Amino acid sequence: LKKFCFYYFKGMPQSFTFKMLRKKNILLNEKKATGDEVLSEGDTVQLY
């Protein structure tokens, strides 16, 4: 998930992704995530 976010927010430092994960602005399948989760086809990433 973190690699996915790094690309999606490629104009931002990687620390931005980790901060948004901690603040639950980025969720995986509507659940809190650390970024180390491996994505599967059909998963959903929520950006609040």
ModelCIF file with pLDDT and N, C-alpha, C, O atoms, coordinates in Angstrom:
data_MODEL
#
_entry.id   MODEL 
#
_entity.id                         1 
_entity.type                       polymer 
_entity.pdbx_number_of_molecules   1 
#
_entity_poly.entity_id                      1 
_entity_poly.type                           'polypeptide(L)' 
_entity_poly.nstd_linkage                   no 
_entity_poly.nstd_monomer                   no 
_entity_poly.pdbx_seq_one_letter_code       LKKFCFYYFKGMPQSFTFKMLRKKNILLNEKKATGDEVLSEGDTVQLY 
_entity_poly.pdbx_seq_one_letter_code_can   LKKFCFYYFKGMPQSFTFKMLRKKNILLNEKKATGDEVLSEGDTVQLY 
_entity_poly.pdbx_strand_id                 A 
#
loop_
_entity_poly_seq.entity_id 
_entity_poly_seq.num 
_entity_poly_seq.mon_id 
_entity_poly_seq.hetero 
1 1  LEU n 
1 2  LYS n 
1 3  LYS n 
1 4  PHE n 
1 5  CYS n 
1 6  PHE n 
1 7  TYR n 
1 8  TYR n 
1 9  PHE n 
1 10 LYS n 
1 11 GLY n 
1 12 MET n 
1 13 PRO n 
1 14 GLN n 
1 15 SER n 
1 16 PHE n 
1 17 THR n 
1 18 PHE n 
1 19 LYS n 
1 20 MET n 
1 21 LEU n 
1 22 ARG n 
1 23 LYS n 
1 24 LYS n 
1 25 ASN n 
1 26 ILE n 
1 27 LEU n 
1 28 LEU n 
1 29 ASN n 
1 30 GLU n 
1 31 LYS n 
1 32 LYS n 
1 33 ALA n 
1 34 THR n 
1 35 GLY n 
1 36 ASP n 
1 37 GLU n 
1 38 VAL n 
1 39 LEU n 
1 40 SER n 
1 41 GLU n 
1 42 GLY n 
1 43 ASP n 
1 44 THR n 
1 45 VAL n 
1 46 GLN n 
1 47 LEU n 
1 48 TYR n 
#
_struct_asym.id          A 
_struct_asym.entity_id   1 
#
loop_
_ma_qa_metric.id 
_ma_qa_metric.mode 
_ma_qa_metric.name 
_ma_qa_metric.software_group_id 
_ma_qa_metric.type 
1 global pLDDT . pLDDT 
2 local  pLDDT . pLDDT 
#
_ma_qa_metric_global.metric_id      1 
_ma_qa_metric_global.metric_value   93.65 
_ma_qa_metric_global.model_id       1 
_ma_qa_metric_global.ordinal_id     1 
#
loop_
_ma_qa_metric_local.label_asym_id 
_ma_qa_metric_local.label_comp_id 
_ma_qa_metric_local.label_seq_id 
_ma_qa_metric_local.metric_id 
_ma_qa_metric_local.metric_value 
_ma_qa_metric_local.model_id 
_ma_qa_metric_local.ordinal_id 
A LEU 1  2 95.00 1 1  
A LYS 2  2 95.00 1 2  
A LYS 3  2 92.00 1 3  
A PHE 4  2 92.00 1 4  
A CYS 5  2 92.00 1 5  
A PHE 6  2 91.00 1 6  
A TYR 7  2 86.00 1 7  
A TYR 8  2 88.00 1 8  
A PHE 9  2 89.00 1 9  
A LYS 10 2 83.00 1 10 
A GLY 11 2 80.00 1 11 
A MET 12 2 90.00 1 12 
A PRO 13 2 92.00 1 13 
A GLN 14 2 94.00 1 14 
A SER 15 2 95.00 1 15 
A PHE 16 2 94.00 1 16 
A THR 17 2 94.00 1 17 
A PHE 18 2 96.00 1 18 
A LYS 19 2 95.00 1 19 
A MET 20 2 96.00 1 20 
A LEU 21 2 96.00 1 21 
A ARG 22 2 96.00 1 22 
A LYS 23 2 95.00 1 23 
A LYS 24 2 96.00 1 24 
A ASN 25 2 96.00 1 25 
A ILE 26 2 96.00 1 26 
A LEU 27 2 97.00 1 27 
A LEU 28 2 96.00 1 28 
A ASN 29 2 96.00 1 29 
A GLU 30 2 96.00 1 30 
A LYS 31 2 96.00 1 31 
A LYS 32 2 96.00 1 32 
A ALA 33 2 96.00 1 33 
A THR 34 2 96.00 1 34 
A GLY 35 2 96.00 1 35 
A ASP 36 2 96.00 1 36 
A GLU 37 2 96.00 1 37 
A VAL 38 2 96.00 1 38 
A LEU 39 2 94.00 1 39 
A SER 40 2 94.00 1 40 
A GLU 41 2 90.00 1 41 
A GLY 42 2 91.00 1 42 
A ASP 43 2 95.00 1 43 
A THR 44 2 95.00 1 44 
A VAL 45 2 95.00 1 45 
A GLN 46 2 95.00 1 46 
A LEU 47 2 94.00 1 47 
A TYR 48 2 95.00 1 48 
#
loop_
_atom_site.group_PDB 
_atom_site.id 
_atom_site.type_symbol 
_atom_site.label_atom_id 
_atom_site.label_alt_id 
_atom_site.label_comp_id 
_atom_site.label_asym_id 
_atom_site.label_entity_id 
_atom_site.label_seq_id 
_atom_site.pdbx_PDB_ins_code 
_atom_site.Cartn_x 
_atom_site.Cartn_y 
_atom_site.Cartn_z 
_atom_site.occupancy 
_atom_site.B_iso_or_equiv 
_atom_site.pdbx_formal_charge 
_atom_site.auth_seq_id 
_atom_site.auth_comp_id 
_atom_site.auth_asym_id 
_atom_site.auth_atom_id 
_atom_site.pdbx_PDB_model_num 
ATOM 1   N N  . LEU A 1 1  ? 0.825   -1.206 0.000  1.00 95.00 ? 1  LEU A N  1 
ATOM 2   C CA . LEU A 1 1  ? 0.000   0.000  0.000  1.00 95.00 ? 1  LEU A CA 1 
ATOM 3   C C  . LEU A 1 1  ? 0.859   1.256  0.000  1.00 95.00 ? 1  LEU A C  1 
ATOM 4   O O  . LEU A 1 1  ? 0.529   2.221  -0.689 1.00 95.00 ? 1  LEU A O  1 
ATOM 5   N N  . LYS A 1 2  ? 1.945   1.267  0.751  1.00 95.00 ? 2  LYS A N  1 
ATOM 6   C CA . LYS A 1 2  ? 2.769   2.476  0.825  1.00 95.00 ? 2  LYS A CA 1 
ATOM 7   C C  . LYS A 1 2  ? 3.391   2.816  -0.527 1.00 95.00 ? 2  LYS A C  1 
ATOM 8   O O  . LYS A 1 2  ? 3.512   3.991  -0.875 1.00 95.00 ? 2  LYS A O  1 
ATOM 9   N N  . LYS A 1 3  ? 3.786   1.795  -1.292 1.00 92.00 ? 3  LYS A N  1 
ATOM 10  C CA . LYS A 1 3  ? 4.354   2.046  -2.606 1.00 92.00 ? 3  LYS A CA 1 
ATOM 11  C C  . LYS A 1 3  ? 3.290   2.631  -3.534 1.00 92.00 ? 3  LYS A C  1 
ATOM 12  O O  . LYS A 1 3  ? 3.559   3.544  -4.314 1.00 92.00 ? 3  LYS A O  1 
ATOM 13  N N  . PHE A 1 4  ? 2.095   2.095  -3.434 1.00 92.00 ? 4  PHE A N  1 
ATOM 14  C CA . PHE A 1 4  ? 0.969   2.619  -4.204 1.00 92.00 ? 4  PHE A CA 1 
ATOM 15  C C  . PHE A 1 4  ? 0.763   4.100  -3.886 1.00 92.00 ? 4  PHE A C  1 
ATOM 16  O O  . PHE A 1 4  ? 0.557   4.915  -4.785 1.00 92.00 ? 4  PHE A O  1 
ATOM 17  N N  . CYS A 1 5  ? 0.820   4.432  -2.615 1.00 92.00 ? 5  CYS A N  1 
ATOM 18  C CA . CYS A 1 5  ? 0.606   5.826  -2.190 1.00 92.00 ? 5  CYS A CA 1 
ATOM 19  C C  . CYS A 1 5  ? 1.764   6.735  -2.610 1.00 92.00 ? 5  CYS A C  1 
ATOM 20  O O  . CYS A 1 5  ? 1.554   7.891  -2.980 1.00 92.00 ? 5  CYS A O  1 
ATOM 21  N N  . PHE A 1 6  ? 2.983   6.201  -2.549 1.00 91.00 ? 6  PHE A N  1 
ATOM 22  C CA . PHE A 1 6  ? 4.127   7.003  -2.982 1.00 91.00 ? 6  PHE A CA 1 
ATOM 23  C C  . PHE A 1 6  ? 3.935   7.450  -4.428 1.00 91.00 ? 6  PHE A C  1 
ATOM 24  O O  . PHE A 1 6  ? 4.223   8.594  -4.778 1.00 91.00 ? 6  PHE A O  1 
ATOM 25  N N  . TYR A 1 7  ? 3.443   6.530  -5.267 1.00 86.00 ? 7  TYR A N  1 
ATOM 26  C CA . TYR A 1 7  ? 3.237   6.866  -6.671 1.00 86.00 ? 7  TYR A CA 1 
ATOM 27  C C  . TYR A 1 7  ? 2.066   7.829  -6.822 1.00 86.00 ? 7  TYR A C  1 
ATOM 28  O O  . TYR A 1 7  ? 2.140   8.799  -7.576 1.00 86.00 ? 7  TYR A O  1 
ATOM 29  N N  . TYR A 1 8  ? 1.000   7.557  -6.108 1.00 88.00 ? 8  TYR A N  1 
ATOM 30  C CA . TYR A 1 8  ? -0.196  8.388  -6.233 1.00 88.00 ? 8  TYR A CA 1 
ATOM 31  C C  . TYR A 1 8  ? 0.088   9.820  -5.781 1.00 88.00 ? 8  TYR A C  1 
ATOM 32  O O  . TYR A 1 8  ? -0.412  10.780 -6.367 1.00 88.00 ? 8  TYR A O  1 
ATOM 33  N N  . PHE A 1 9  ? 0.891   9.945  -4.739 1.00 89.00 ? 9  PHE A N  1 
ATOM 34  C CA . PHE A 1 9  ? 1.266   11.276 -4.238 1.00 89.00 ? 9  PHE A CA 1 
ATOM 35  C C  . PHE A 1 9  ? 2.731   11.566 -4.583 1.00 89.00 ? 9  PHE A C  1 
ATOM 36  O O  . PHE A 1 9  ? 3.493   12.025 -3.732 1.00 89.00 ? 9  PHE A O  1 
ATOM 37  N N  . LYS A 1 10 ? 3.115   11.299 -5.822 1.00 83.00 ? 10 LYS A N  1 
ATOM 38  C CA . LYS A 1 10 ? 4.529   11.359 -6.182 1.00 83.00 ? 10 LYS A CA 1 
ATOM 39  C C  . LYS A 1 10 ? 5.130   12.756 -6.082 1.00 83.00 ? 10 LYS A C  1 
ATOM 40  O O  . LYS A 1 10 ? 6.352   12.900 -6.098 1.00 83.00 ? 10 LYS A O  1 
ATOM 41  N N  . GLY A 1 11 ? 4.298   13.784 -5.980 1.00 80.00 ? 11 GLY A N  1 
ATOM 42  C CA . GLY A 1 11 ? 4.843   15.124 -5.800 1.00 80.00 ? 11 GLY A CA 1 
ATOM 43  C C  . GLY A 1 11 ? 5.138   15.450 -4.344 1.00 80.00 ? 11 GLY A C  1 
ATOM 44  O O  . GLY A 1 11 ? 5.680   16.512 -4.038 1.00 80.00 ? 11 GLY A O  1 
ATOM 45  N N  . MET A 1 12 ? 4.779   14.530 -3.442 1.00 90.00 ? 12 MET A N  1 
ATOM 46  C CA . MET A 1 12 ? 4.940   14.762 -2.007 1.00 90.00 ? 12 MET A CA 1 
ATOM 47  C C  . MET A 1 12 ? 6.039   13.872 -1.431 1.00 90.00 ? 12 MET A C  1 
ATOM 48  O O  . MET A 1 12 ? 6.331   12.819 -1.999 1.00 90.00 ? 12 MET A O  1 
ATOM 49  N N  . PRO A 1 13 ? 6.656   14.273 -0.312 1.00 92.00 ? 13 PRO A N  1 
ATOM 50  C CA . PRO A 1 13 ? 7.651   13.396 0.336  1.00 92.00 ? 13 PRO A CA 1 
ATOM 51  C C  . PRO A 1 13 ? 6.981   12.136 0.877  1.00 92.00 ? 13 PRO A C  1 
ATOM 52  O O  . PRO A 1 13 ? 5.786   12.144 1.171  1.00 92.00 ? 13 PRO A O  1 
ATOM 53  N N  . GLN A 1 14 ? 7.742   11.064 1.006  1.00 94.00 ? 14 GLN A N  1 
ATOM 54  C CA . GLN A 1 14 ? 7.173   9.811  1.494  1.00 94.00 ? 14 GLN A CA 1 
ATOM 55  C C  . GLN A 1 14 ? 6.611   9.956  2.904  1.00 94.00 ? 14 GLN A C  1 
ATOM 56  O O  . GLN A 1 14 ? 5.684   9.238  3.280  1.00 94.00 ? 14 GLN A O  1 
ATOM 57  N N  . SER A 1 15 ? 7.164   10.876 3.682  1.00 95.00 ? 15 SER A N  1 
ATOM 58  C CA . SER A 1 15 ? 6.674   11.083 5.049  1.00 95.00 ? 15 SER A CA 1 
ATOM 59  C C  . SER A 1 15 ? 5.211   11.521 5.060  1.00 95.00 ? 15 SER A C  1 
ATOM 60  O O  . SER A 1 15 ? 4.493   11.286 6.033  1.00 95.00 ? 15 SER A O  1 
ATOM 61  N N  . PHE A 1 16 ? 4.774   12.161 3.969  1.00 94.00 ? 16 PHE A N  1 
ATOM 62  C CA . PHE A 1 16 ? 3.372   12.577 3.877  1.00 94.00 ? 16 PHE A CA 1 
ATOM 63  C C  . PHE A 1 16 ? 2.452   11.362 3.913  1.00 94.00 ? 16 PHE A C  1 
ATOM 64  O O  . PHE A 1 16 ? 1.425   11.376 4.593  1.00 94.00 ? 16 PHE A O  1 
ATOM 65  N N  . THR A 1 17 ? 2.820   10.310 3.180  1.00 94.00 ? 17 THR A N  1 
ATOM 66  C CA . THR A 1 17 ? 2.009   9.089  3.156  1.00 94.00 ? 17 THR A CA 1 
ATOM 67  C C  . THR A 1 17 ? 1.898   8.486  4.552  1.00 94.00 ? 17 THR A C  1 
ATOM 68  O O  . THR A 1 17 ? 0.803   8.128  4.986  1.00 94.00 ? 17 THR A O  1 
ATOM 69  N N  . PHE A 1 18 ? 3.011   8.373  5.252  1.00 96.00 ? 18 PHE A N  1 
ATOM 70  C CA . PHE A 1 18 ? 2.970   7.766  6.584  1.00 96.00 ? 18 PHE A CA 1 
ATOM 71  C C  . PHE A 1 18 ? 2.150   8.609  7.565  1.00 96.00 ? 18 PHE A C  1 
ATOM 72  O O  . PHE A 1 18 ? 1.451   8.068  8.422  1.00 96.00 ? 18 PHE A O  1 
ATOM 73  N N  . LYS A 1 19 ? 2.239   9.915  7.436  1.00 95.00 ? 19 LYS A N  1 
ATOM 74  C CA . LYS A 1 19 ? 1.459   10.800 8.303  1.00 95.00 ? 19 LYS A CA 1 
ATOM 75  C C  . LYS A 1 19 ? -0.031  10.614 8.042  1.00 95.00 ? 19 LYS A C  1 
ATOM 76  O O  . LYS A 1 19 ? -0.823  10.553 8.983  1.00 95.00 ? 19 LYS A O  1 
ATOM 77  N N  . MET A 1 20 ? -0.423  10.522 6.751  1.00 96.00 ? 20 MET A N  1 
ATOM 78  C CA . MET A 1 20 ? -1.837  10.359 6.409  1.00 96.00 ? 20 MET A CA 1 
ATOM 79  C C  . MET A 1 20 ? -2.368  8.980  6.814  1.00 96.00 ? 20 MET A C  1 
ATOM 80  O O  . MET A 1 20 ? -3.547  8.837  7.139  1.00 96.00 ? 20 MET A O  1 
ATOM 81  N N  . LEU A 1 21 ? -1.498  7.972  6.795  1.00 96.00 ? 21 LEU A N  1 
ATOM 82  C CA . LEU A 1 21 ? -1.905  6.652  7.277  1.00 96.00 ? 21 LEU A CA 1 
ATOM 83  C C  . LEU A 1 21 ? -2.163  6.688  8.781  1.00 96.00 ? 21 LEU A C  1 
ATOM 84  O O  . LEU A 1 21 ? -3.146  6.128  9.266  1.00 96.00 ? 21 LEU A O  1 
ATOM 85  N N  . ARG A 1 22 ? -1.264  7.357  9.518  1.00 96.00 ? 22 ARG A N  1 
ATOM 86  C CA . ARG A 1 22 ? -1.443  7.448  10.976 1.00 96.00 ? 22 ARG A CA 1 
ATOM 87  C C  . ARG A 1 22 ? -2.716  8.212  11.326 1.00 96.00 ? 22 ARG A C  1 
ATOM 88  O O  . ARG A 1 22 ? -3.404  7.866  12.287 1.00 96.00 ? 22 ARG A O  1 
ATOM 89  N N  . LYS A 1 23 ? -3.032  9.247  10.552 1.00 95.00 ? 23 LYS A N  1 
ATOM 90  C CA . LYS A 1 23 ? -4.203  10.071 10.834 1.00 95.00 ? 23 LYS A CA 1 
ATOM 91  C C  . LYS A 1 23 ? -5.492  9.489  10.251 1.00 95.00 ? 23 LYS A C  1 
ATOM 92  O O  . LYS A 1 23 ? -6.558  10.095 10.364 1.00 95.00 ? 23 LYS A O  1 
ATOM 93  N N  . LYS A 1 24 ? -5.391  8.312  9.629  1.00 96.00 ? 24 LYS A N  1 
ATOM 94  C CA . LYS A 1 24 ? -6.532  7.619  9.031  1.00 96.00 ? 24 LYS A CA 1 
ATOM 95  C C  . LYS A 1 24 ? -7.153  8.400  7.870  1.00 96.00 ? 24 LYS A C  1 
ATOM 96  O O  . LYS A 1 24 ? -8.337  8.251  7.571  1.00 96.00 ? 24 LYS A O  1 
ATOM 97  N N  . ASN A 1 25 ? -6.348  9.220  7.233  1.00 96.00 ? 25 ASN A N  1 
ATOM 98  C CA . ASN A 1 25 ? -6.806  9.853  6.002  1.00 96.00 ? 25 ASN A CA 1 
ATOM 99  C C  . ASN A 1 25 ? -6.689  8.901  4.813  1.00 96.00 ? 25 ASN A C  1 
ATOM 100 O O  . ASN A 1 25 ? -7.309  9.099  3.768  1.00 96.00 ? 25 ASN A O  1 
ATOM 101 N N  . ILE A 1 26 ? -5.872  7.863  5.006  1.00 96.00 ? 26 ILE A N  1 
ATOM 102 C CA . ILE A 1 26 ? -5.751  6.812  4.002  1.00 96.00 ? 26 ILE A CA 1 
ATOM 103 C C  . ILE A 1 26 ? -6.124  5.498  4.661  1.00 96.00 ? 26 ILE A C  1 
ATOM 104 O O  . ILE A 1 26 ? -5.500  5.084  5.638  1.00 96.00 ? 26 ILE A O  1 
ATOM 105 N N  . LEU A 1 27 ? -7.158  4.837  4.117  1.00 97.00 ? 27 LEU A N  1 
ATOM 106 C CA . LEU A 1 27 ? -7.624  3.554  4.642  1.00 97.00 ? 27 LEU A CA 1 
ATOM 107 C C  . LEU A 1 27 ? -7.558  2.500  3.548  1.00 97.00 ? 27 LEU A C  1 
ATOM 108 O O  . LEU A 1 27 ? -7.593  2.813  2.358  1.00 97.00 ? 27 LEU A O  1 
ATOM 109 N N  . LEU A 1 28 ? -7.461  1.244  3.975  1.00 96.00 ? 28 LEU A N  1 
ATOM 110 C CA . LEU A 1 28 ? -7.507  0.119  3.047  1.00 96.00 ? 28 LEU A CA 1 
ATOM 111 C C  . LEU A 1 28 ? -8.729  -0.716 3.374  1.00 96.00 ? 28 LEU A C  1 
ATOM 112 O O  . LEU A 1 28 ? -8.846  -1.248 4.478  1.00 96.00 ? 28 LEU A O  1 
ATOM 113 N N  . ASN A 1 29 ? -9.627  -0.830 2.432  1.00 96.00 ? 29 ASN A N  1 
ATOM 114 C CA . ASN A 1 29 ? -10.889 -1.556 2.642  1.00 96.00 ? 29 ASN A CA 1 
ATOM 115 C C  . ASN A 1 29 ? -11.619 -1.036 3.874  1.00 96.00 ? 29 ASN A C  1 
ATOM 116 O O  . ASN A 1 29 ? -12.172 -1.798 4.667  1.00 96.00 ? 29 ASN A O  1 
ATOM 117 N N  . GLU A 1 30 ? -11.603 0.306  4.007  1.00 96.00 ? 30 GLU A N  1 
ATOM 118 C CA . GLU A 1 30 ? -12.282 1.019  5.094  1.00 96.00 ? 30 GLU A CA 1 
ATOM 119 C C  . GLU A 1 30 ? -11.684 0.715  6.465  1.00 96.00 ? 30 GLU A C  1 
ATOM 120 O O  . GLU A 1 30 ? -12.338 0.926  7.487  1.00 96.00 ? 30 GLU A O  1 
ATOM 121 N N  . LYS A 1 31 ? -10.450 0.223  6.492  1.00 96.00 ? 31 LYS A N  1 
ATOM 122 C CA . LYS A 1 31 ? -9.808  -0.091 7.764  1.00 96.00 ? 31 LYS A CA 1 
ATOM 123 C C  . LYS A 1 31 ? -8.458  0.626  7.862  1.00 96.00 ? 31 LYS A C  1 
ATOM 124 O O  . LYS A 1 31 ? -7.807  0.899  6.854  1.00 96.00 ? 31 LYS A O  1 
ATOM 125 N N  . LYS A 1 32 ? -8.060  0.920  9.088  1.00 96.00 ? 32 LYS A N  1 
ATOM 126 C CA . LYS A 1 32 ? -6.757  1.549  9.322  1.00 96.00 ? 32 LYS A CA 1 
ATOM 127 C C  . LYS A 1 32 ? -5.653  0.635  8.802  1.00 96.00 ? 32 LYS A C  1 
ATOM 128 O O  . LYS A 1 32 ? -5.718  -0.585 8.951  1.00 96.00 ? 32 LYS A O  1 
ATOM 129 N N  . ALA A 1 33 ? -4.641  1.243  8.191  1.00 96.00 ? 33 ALA A N  1 
ATOM 130 C CA . ALA A 1 33 ? -3.552  0.473  7.596  1.00 96.00 ? 33 ALA A CA 1 
ATOM 131 C C  . ALA A 1 33 ? -2.207  1.085  7.969  1.00 96.00 ? 33 ALA A C  1 
ATOM 132 O O  . ALA A 1 33 ? -2.117  2.263  8.314  1.00 96.00 ? 33 ALA A O  1 
ATOM 133 N N  . THR A 1 34 ? -1.167  0.264  7.893  1.00 96.00 ? 34 THR A N  1 
ATOM 134 C CA . THR A 1 34 ? 0.184   0.742  8.204  1.00 96.00 ? 34 THR A CA 1 
ATOM 135 C C  . THR A 1 34 ? 0.968   1.131  6.945  1.00 96.00 ? 34 THR A C  1 
ATOM 136 O O  . THR A 1 34 ? 1.929   1.899  7.002  1.00 96.00 ? 34 THR A O  1 
ATOM 137 N N  . GLY A 1 35 ? 0.529   0.578  5.805  1.00 96.00 ? 35 GLY A N  1 
ATOM 138 C CA . GLY A 1 35 ? 1.248   0.802  4.556  1.00 96.00 ? 35 GLY A CA 1 
ATOM 139 C C  . GLY A 1 35 ? 2.006   -0.415 4.088  1.00 96.00 ? 35 GLY A C  1 
ATOM 140 O O  . GLY A 1 35 ? 2.414   -0.488 2.929  1.00 96.00 ? 35 GLY A O  1 
ATOM 141 N N  . ASP A 1 36 ? 2.204   -1.393 4.994  1.00 96.00 ? 36 ASP A N  1 
ATOM 142 C CA . ASP A 1 36 ? 2.939   -2.599 4.623  1.00 96.00 ? 36 ASP A CA 1 
ATOM 143 C C  . ASP A 1 36 ? 2.036   -3.691 4.053  1.00 96.00 ? 36 ASP A C  1 
ATOM 144 O O  . ASP A 1 36 ? 2.515   -4.747 3.640  1.00 96.00 ? 36 ASP A O  1 
ATOM 145 N N  . GLU A 1 37 ? 0.741   -3.434 4.033  1.00 96.00 ? 37 GLU A N  1 
ATOM 146 C CA . GLU A 1 37 ? -0.198  -4.415 3.490  1.00 96.00 ? 37 GLU A CA 1 
ATOM 147 C C  . GLU A 1 37 ? 0.019   -4.585 1.975  1.00 96.00 ? 37 GLU A C  1 
ATOM 148 O O  . GLU A 1 37 ? 0.239   -3.611 1.255  1.00 96.00 ? 37 GLU A O  1 
ATOM 149 N N  . VAL A 1 38 ? -0.047  -5.829 1.515  1.00 96.00 ? 38 VAL A N  1 
ATOM 150 C CA . VAL A 1 38 ? 0.088   -6.115 0.084  1.00 96.00 ? 38 VAL A CA 1 
ATOM 151 C C  . VAL A 1 38 ? -1.300  -6.063 -0.557 1.00 96.00 ? 38 VAL A C  1 
ATOM 152 O O  . VAL A 1 38 ? -2.232  -6.733 -0.110 1.00 96.00 ? 38 VAL A O  1 
ATOM 153 N N  . LEU A 1 39 ? -1.415  -5.268 -1.594 1.00 94.00 ? 39 LEU A N  1 
ATOM 154 C CA . LEU A 1 39 ? -2.709  -5.063 -2.242 1.00 94.00 ? 39 LEU A CA 1 
ATOM 155 C C  . LEU A 1 39 ? -3.097  -6.262 -3.102 1.00 94.00 ? 39 LEU A C  1 
ATOM 156 O O  . LEU A 1 39 ? -2.256  -6.898 -3.738 1.00 94.00 ? 39 LEU A O  1 
ATOM 157 N N  . SER A 1 40 ? -4.400  -6.549 -3.100 1.00 94.00 ? 40 SER A N  1 
ATOM 158 C CA . SER A 1 40 ? -4.965  -7.592 -3.951 1.00 94.00 ? 40 SER A CA 1 
ATOM 159 C C  . SER A 1 40 ? -5.975  -6.958 -4.892 1.00 94.00 ? 40 SER A C  1 
ATOM 160 O O  . SER A 1 40 ? -6.597  -5.948 -4.565 1.00 94.00 ? 40 SER A O  1 
ATOM 161 N N  . GLU A 1 41 ? -6.131  -7.560 -6.061 1.00 90.00 ? 41 GLU A N  1 
ATOM 162 C CA . GLU A 1 41 ? -7.113  -7.044 -7.012 1.00 90.00 ? 41 GLU A CA 1 
ATOM 163 C C  . GLU A 1 41 ? -8.499  -7.059 -6.376 1.00 90.00 ? 41 GLU A C  1 
ATOM 164 O O  . GLU A 1 41 ? -8.914  -8.068 -5.807 1.00 90.00 ? 41 GLU A O  1 
ATOM 165 N N  . GLY A 1 42 ? -9.200  -5.958 -6.471 1.00 91.00 ? 42 GLY A N  1 
ATOM 166 C CA . GLY A 1 42 ? -10.520 -5.841 -5.865 1.00 91.00 ? 42 GLY A CA 1 
ATOM 167 C C  . GLY A 1 42 ? -10.525 -5.080 -4.556 1.00 91.00 ? 42 GLY A C  1 
ATOM 168 O O  . GLY A 1 42 ? -11.581 -4.641 -4.101 1.00 91.00 ? 42 GLY A O  1 
ATOM 169 N N  . ASP A 1 43 ? -9.339  -4.912 -3.931 1.00 95.00 ? 43 ASP A N  1 
ATOM 170 C CA . ASP A 1 43 ? -9.252  -4.069 -2.727 1.00 95.00 ? 43 ASP A CA 1 
ATOM 171 C C  . ASP A 1 43 ? -9.652  -2.635 -3.067 1.00 95.00 ? 43 ASP A C  1 
ATOM 172 O O  . ASP A 1 43 ? -9.641  -2.232 -4.230 1.00 95.00 ? 43 ASP A O  1 
ATOM 173 N N  . THR A 1 44 ? -10.004 -1.875 -2.031 1.00 95.00 ? 44 THR A N  1 
ATOM 174 C CA . THR A 1 44 ? -10.309 -0.454 -2.232 1.00 95.00 ? 44 THR A CA 1 
ATOM 175 C C  . THR A 1 44 ? -9.466  0.388  -1.283 1.00 95.00 ? 44 THR A C  1 
ATOM 176 O O  . THR A 1 44 ? -9.269  0.046  -0.117 1.00 95.00 ? 44 THR A O  1 
ATOM 177 N N  . VAL A 1 45 ? -8.982  1.485  -1.814 1.00 95.00 ? 45 VAL A N  1 
ATOM 178 C CA . VAL A 1 45 ? -8.207  2.439  -1.015 1.00 95.00 ? 45 VAL A CA 1 
ATOM 179 C C  . VAL A 1 45 ? -9.039  3.705  -0.892 1.00 95.00 ? 45 VAL A C  1 
ATOM 180 O O  . VAL A 1 45 ? -9.437  4.295  -1.896 1.00 95.00 ? 45 VAL A O  1 
ATOM 181 N N  . GLN A 1 46 ? -9.302  4.121  0.349  1.00 95.00 ? 46 GLN A N  1 
ATOM 182 C CA . GLN A 1 46 ? -10.085 5.330  0.589  1.00 95.00 ? 46 GLN A CA 1 
ATOM 183 C C  . GLN A 1 46 ? -9.161  6.484  0.951  1.00 95.00 ? 46 GLN A C  1 
ATOM 184 O O  . GLN A 1 46 ? -8.304  6.362  1.826  1.00 95.00 ? 46 GLN A O  1 
ATOM 185 N N  . LEU A 1 47 ? -9.347  7.595  0.270  1.00 94.00 ? 47 LEU A N  1 
ATOM 186 C CA . LEU A 1 47 ? -8.559  8.808  0.529  1.00 94.00 ? 47 LEU A CA 1 
ATOM 187 C C  . LEU A 1 47 ? -9.502  9.866  1.083  1.00 94.00 ? 47 LEU A C  1 
ATOM 188 O O  . LEU A 1 47 ? -10.318 10.427 0.352  1.00 94.00 ? 47 LEU A O  1 
ATOM 189 N N  . TYR A 1 48 ? -9.384  10.134 2.379  1.00 95.00 ? 48 TYR A N  1 
ATOM 190 C CA . TYR A 1 48 ? -10.290 11.077 3.032  1.00 95.00 ? 48 TYR A CA 1 
ATOM 191 C C  . TYR A 1 48 ? -9.724  12.498 2.963  1.00 95.00 ? 48 TYR A C  1 
ATOM 192 O O  . TYR A 1 48 ? -10.346 13.436 3.461  1.00 95.00 ? 48 TYR A O  1 
#
